[in-house]
Amino acid sequence: MTAQPSKDPLHGVTLEALLNVLVERYGWAELAKRININCFKSDPSIKSSLKFLRRTPWARKEVEALYIDSLREPRGQVDIPADSPWAGWQSKKDQA
């Protein structure tokens, strides 16, 4: 019996990896506009953002939702490095 792949786009993606993708895609200033939290506005860093997001469930949910939304954008507009663990998340049908 083979295990079914997870349909959850967050499955296997660490908070740090997710945050790195969002920072690379949008930058800190755009993240602060999209999600109004101080760790994105005032002297932002991955380390300080991770600390805040791990302690603040509502903010983490907003960041995860933005990440999922960014996955839905057309492939040509999303710059995900080829070595990322979720680079091939789309089905083969979507890649055709």
N, C-alpha and C. Protein backbone atom coordinates (compact mmCIF):
# COMPACT_ATOMS: atom_id res chain seq x y z
N MET A 1 0.85 -1.18 0.00
CA MET A 1 0.00 0.00 0.00
C MET A 1 0.90 1.25 0.00
N THR A 2 0.65 2.16 -0.90
CA THR A 2 1.44 3.39 -0.97
C THR A 2 0.73 4.52 -0.23
N ALA A 3 1.52 5.33 0.42
CA ALA A 3 0.96 6.47 1.14
C ALA A 3 0.55 7.54 0.15
N GLN A 4 -0.58 8.14 0.40
CA GLN A 4 -1.05 9.24 -0.45
C GLN A 4 -0.27 10.50 -0.10
N PRO A 5 0.17 11.27 -1.10
CA PRO A 5 0.84 12.53 -0.78
C PRO A 5 -0.14 13.48 -0.11
N SER A 6 0.36 14.29 0.78
CA SER A 6 -0.47 15.23 1.51
C SER A 6 -0.99 16.31 0.57
N LYS A 7 -2.24 16.69 0.76
CA LYS A 7 -2.82 17.78 -0.03
C LYS A 7 -2.64 19.11 0.68
N ASP A 8 -2.09 19.08 1.87
CA ASP A 8 -1.85 20.30 2.63
C ASP A 8 -0.59 20.99 2.10
N PRO A 9 -0.72 22.21 1.56
CA PRO A 9 0.46 22.88 1.01
C PRO A 9 1.51 23.24 2.07
N LEU A 10 1.13 23.18 3.33
CA LEU A 10 2.08 23.48 4.41
C LEU A 10 2.79 22.23 4.91
N HIS A 11 2.37 21.06 4.44
CA HIS A 11 2.96 19.81 4.90
C HIS A 11 4.45 19.76 4.54
N GLY A 12 5.28 19.58 5.56
CA GLY A 12 6.72 19.46 5.34
C GLY A 12 7.45 20.78 5.17
N VAL A 13 6.74 21.89 5.26
CA VAL A 13 7.37 23.21 5.10
C VAL A 13 7.55 23.82 6.48
N THR A 14 8.78 24.12 6.84
CA THR A 14 9.03 24.74 8.14
C THR A 14 8.62 26.20 8.10
N LEU A 15 8.36 26.76 9.26
CA LEU A 15 8.01 28.18 9.35
C LEU A 15 9.16 29.03 8.80
N GLU A 16 10.39 28.65 9.09
CA GLU A 16 11.54 29.40 8.59
C GLU A 16 11.61 29.38 7.07
N ALA A 17 11.40 28.22 6.47
CA ALA A 17 11.44 28.12 5.00
C ALA A 17 10.32 28.93 4.38
N LEU A 18 9.15 28.85 4.95
CA LEU A 18 7.99 29.60 4.48
C LEU A 18 8.27 31.10 4.53
N LEU A 19 8.81 31.55 5.65
CA LEU A 19 9.12 32.97 5.82
C LEU A 19 10.20 33.43 4.84
N ASN A 20 11.20 32.60 4.63
CA ASN A 20 12.25 32.94 3.66
C ASN A 20 11.69 33.13 2.26
N VAL A 21 10.75 32.27 1.86
CA VAL A 21 10.13 32.39 0.54
C VAL A 21 9.36 33.71 0.45
N LEU A 22 8.59 34.02 1.49
CA LEU A 22 7.80 35.25 1.46
C LEU A 22 8.68 36.50 1.44
N VAL A 23 9.77 36.49 2.20
CA VAL A 23 10.68 37.64 2.21
C VAL A 23 11.34 37.79 0.84
N GLU A 24 11.74 36.68 0.25
CA GLU A 24 12.37 36.75 -1.07
C GLU A 24 11.38 37.24 -2.12
N ARG A 25 10.14 36.80 -2.01
CA ARG A 25 9.13 37.16 -3.01
C ARG A 25 8.65 38.60 -2.85
N TYR A 26 8.33 39.00 -1.62
CA TYR A 26 7.69 40.29 -1.39
C TYR A 26 8.62 41.35 -0.79
N GLY A 27 9.61 40.93 -0.02
CA GLY A 27 10.44 41.89 0.73
C GLY A 27 9.74 42.27 2.02
N TRP A 28 10.51 42.81 2.96
CA TRP A 28 9.97 43.16 4.28
C TRP A 28 8.91 44.25 4.20
N ALA A 29 9.14 45.27 3.38
CA ALA A 29 8.19 46.39 3.31
C ALA A 29 6.82 45.92 2.82
N GLU A 30 6.80 45.09 1.79
CA GLU A 30 5.52 44.58 1.27
C GLU A 30 4.87 43.63 2.26
N LEU A 31 5.66 42.82 2.95
CA LEU A 31 5.09 41.95 3.99
C LEU A 31 4.42 42.77 5.08
N ALA A 32 5.06 43.86 5.47
CA ALA A 32 4.49 44.73 6.50
C ALA A 32 3.18 45.36 6.03
N LYS A 33 3.08 45.65 4.73
CA LYS A 33 1.83 46.20 4.19
C LYS A 33 0.73 45.14 4.19
N ARG A 34 1.10 43.93 3.83
CA ARG A 34 0.11 42.86 3.71
C ARG A 34 -0.30 42.29 5.06
N ILE A 35 0.63 42.24 6.01
CA ILE A 35 0.35 41.72 7.34
C ILE A 35 0.90 42.74 8.34
N ASN A 36 0.02 43.40 9.04
CA ASN A 36 0.40 44.50 9.91
C ASN A 36 0.92 44.00 11.27
N ILE A 37 2.19 43.60 11.26
CA ILE A 37 2.83 43.20 12.52
C ILE A 37 4.20 43.88 12.61
N ASN A 38 4.56 44.30 13.81
CA ASN A 38 5.78 45.07 14.01
C ASN A 38 7.06 44.35 13.63
N CYS A 39 7.09 43.03 13.77
CA CYS A 39 8.33 42.32 13.45
C CYS A 39 8.66 42.43 11.96
N PHE A 40 7.70 42.80 11.12
CA PHE A 40 7.96 43.04 9.70
C PHE A 40 8.29 44.50 9.43
N LYS A 41 7.96 45.39 10.38
CA LYS A 41 8.11 46.83 10.17
C LYS A 41 9.39 47.40 10.78
N SER A 42 9.66 47.02 12.01
CA SER A 42 10.74 47.64 12.78
C SER A 42 11.94 46.71 12.86
N ASP A 43 13.01 47.04 12.15
CA ASP A 43 14.25 46.26 12.14
C ASP A 43 13.97 44.77 11.90
N PRO A 44 13.33 44.43 10.77
CA PRO A 44 12.92 43.05 10.54
C PRO A 44 14.09 42.10 10.31
N SER A 45 13.93 40.89 10.78
CA SER A 45 14.89 39.82 10.53
C SER A 45 14.14 38.50 10.60
N ILE A 46 14.72 37.49 9.99
CA ILE A 46 14.11 36.16 10.05
C ILE A 46 14.04 35.69 11.50
N LYS A 47 15.13 35.87 12.24
CA LYS A 47 15.20 35.38 13.62
C LYS A 47 14.13 36.02 14.51
N SER A 48 14.01 37.35 14.45
CA SER A 48 13.02 38.02 15.31
C SER A 48 11.60 37.69 14.87
N SER A 49 11.39 37.56 13.56
CA SER A 49 10.06 37.21 13.06
C SER A 49 9.67 35.81 13.48
N LEU A 50 10.60 34.86 13.40
CA LEU A 50 10.31 33.49 13.82
C LEU A 50 9.95 33.45 15.30
N LYS A 51 10.67 34.18 16.11
CA LYS A 51 10.40 34.20 17.55
C LYS A 51 8.97 34.70 17.80
N PHE A 52 8.60 35.80 17.13
CA PHE A 52 7.26 36.36 17.30
C PHE A 52 6.19 35.41 16.76
N LEU A 53 6.39 34.89 15.56
CA LEU A 53 5.37 34.03 14.94
C LEU A 53 5.17 32.73 15.70
N ARG A 54 6.20 32.21 16.32
CA ARG A 54 6.06 30.97 17.10
C ARG A 54 5.25 31.20 18.38
N ARG A 55 5.25 32.44 18.88
CA ARG A 55 4.52 32.76 20.12
C ARG A 55 3.13 33.32 19.85
N THR A 56 2.83 33.65 18.58
CA THR A 56 1.61 34.39 18.27
C THR A 56 0.81 33.66 17.19
N PRO A 57 -0.09 32.78 17.61
CA PRO A 57 -0.81 31.95 16.65
C PRO A 57 -1.58 32.73 15.57
N TRP A 58 -2.23 33.84 15.93
CA TRP A 58 -3.00 34.58 14.92
C TRP A 58 -2.10 35.14 13.83
N ALA A 59 -0.91 35.61 14.19
CA ALA A 59 0.02 36.16 13.20
C ALA A 59 0.57 35.04 12.33
N ARG A 60 0.88 33.91 12.94
CA ARG A 60 1.38 32.77 12.17
C ARG A 60 0.35 32.32 11.14
N LYS A 61 -0.93 32.29 11.53
CA LYS A 61 -1.98 31.90 10.60
C LYS A 61 -2.06 32.86 9.42
N GLU A 62 -1.89 34.15 9.66
CA GLU A 62 -1.91 35.13 8.57
C GLU A 62 -0.73 34.93 7.62
N VAL A 63 0.45 34.65 8.18
CA VAL A 63 1.64 34.40 7.36
C VAL A 63 1.45 33.13 6.54
N GLU A 64 0.92 32.09 7.15
CA GLU A 64 0.67 30.84 6.44
C GLU A 64 -0.36 31.04 5.32
N ALA A 65 -1.38 31.84 5.58
CA ALA A 65 -2.41 32.12 4.56
C ALA A 65 -1.80 32.88 3.39
N LEU A 66 -0.93 33.84 3.67
CA LEU A 66 -0.27 34.58 2.59
C LEU A 66 0.60 33.65 1.76
N TYR A 67 1.29 32.74 2.42
CA TYR A 67 2.13 31.77 1.72
C TYR A 67 1.28 30.91 0.79
N ILE A 68 0.16 30.40 1.30
CA ILE A 68 -0.73 29.57 0.49
C ILE A 68 -1.27 30.36 -0.70
N ASP A 69 -1.67 31.60 -0.46
CA ASP A 69 -2.14 32.46 -1.55
C ASP A 69 -1.06 32.66 -2.60
N SER A 70 0.19 32.82 -2.16
CA SER A 70 1.28 33.03 -3.11
C SER A 70 1.51 31.80 -3.98
N LEU A 71 1.17 30.61 -3.47
CA LEU A 71 1.31 29.38 -4.25
C LEU A 71 0.29 29.30 -5.37
N ARG A 72 -0.82 30.00 -5.21
CA ARG A 72 -1.90 29.96 -6.20
C ARG A 72 -1.64 30.90 -7.37
N GLU A 73 -0.69 31.80 -7.23
CA GLU A 73 -0.39 32.73 -8.31
C GLU A 73 0.23 31.98 -9.48
N PRO A 74 0.07 32.50 -10.69
CA PRO A 74 0.65 31.82 -11.86
C PRO A 74 2.12 31.53 -11.67
N ARG A 75 2.52 30.38 -12.16
CA ARG A 75 3.87 29.89 -11.95
C ARG A 75 4.95 30.88 -12.39
N GLY A 76 4.73 31.57 -13.49
CA GLY A 76 5.73 32.51 -13.99
C GLY A 76 5.98 33.67 -13.04
N GLN A 77 5.04 33.96 -12.15
CA GLN A 77 5.17 35.09 -11.25
C GLN A 77 5.77 34.73 -9.90
N VAL A 78 5.88 33.46 -9.60
CA VAL A 78 6.42 33.03 -8.31
C VAL A 78 7.86 32.58 -8.49
N ASP A 79 8.78 33.23 -7.80
CA ASP A 79 10.19 32.89 -7.91
C ASP A 79 10.60 32.00 -6.75
N ILE A 80 10.37 30.69 -6.90
CA ILE A 80 10.75 29.73 -5.87
C ILE A 80 12.02 29.04 -6.35
N PRO A 81 13.09 29.09 -5.57
CA PRO A 81 14.33 28.44 -5.98
C PRO A 81 14.12 26.95 -6.24
N ALA A 82 14.82 26.41 -7.24
CA ALA A 82 14.65 25.01 -7.63
C ALA A 82 15.01 24.04 -6.51
N ASP A 83 15.89 24.44 -5.58
CA ASP A 83 16.28 23.54 -4.51
C ASP A 83 15.36 23.63 -3.29
N SER A 84 14.28 24.42 -3.37
CA SER A 84 13.32 24.51 -2.27
C SER A 84 12.55 23.21 -2.14
N PRO A 85 12.18 22.81 -0.93
CA PRO A 85 11.47 21.54 -0.76
C PRO A 85 10.09 21.54 -1.40
N TRP A 86 9.52 22.68 -1.69
CA TRP A 86 8.19 22.76 -2.28
C TRP A 86 8.21 23.28 -3.71
N ALA A 87 9.37 23.28 -4.36
CA ALA A 87 9.49 23.80 -5.72
C ALA A 87 8.56 23.07 -6.69
N GLY A 88 8.33 21.80 -6.51
CA GLY A 88 7.48 21.04 -7.42
C GLY A 88 6.13 20.71 -6.83
N TRP A 89 5.58 21.58 -6.02
CA TRP A 89 4.34 21.28 -5.31
C TRP A 89 3.14 21.14 -6.24
N GLN A 90 3.17 21.79 -7.41
CA GLN A 90 2.02 21.73 -8.30
C GLN A 90 1.94 20.37 -8.98
N SER A 91 0.75 19.97 -9.32
CA SER A 91 0.57 18.68 -9.98
C SER A 91 1.13 18.72 -11.39
N LYS A 92 1.38 17.57 -11.96
CA LYS A 92 1.93 17.49 -13.31
C LYS A 92 0.97 18.14 -14.30
N LYS A 93 -0.33 18.07 -14.05
CA LYS A 93 -1.32 18.69 -14.93
C LYS A 93 -1.11 20.21 -14.99
N ASP A 94 -0.80 20.84 -13.84
CA ASP A 94 -0.58 22.29 -13.78
C ASP A 94 0.70 22.69 -14.51
N GLN A 95 1.67 21.79 -14.59
CA GLN A 95 2.96 22.12 -15.18
C GLN A 95 2.92 22.02 -16.70
N ALA A 96 1.90 21.40 -17.27
CA ALA A 96 1.82 21.20 -18.72
C ALA A 96 1.57 22.48 -19.47
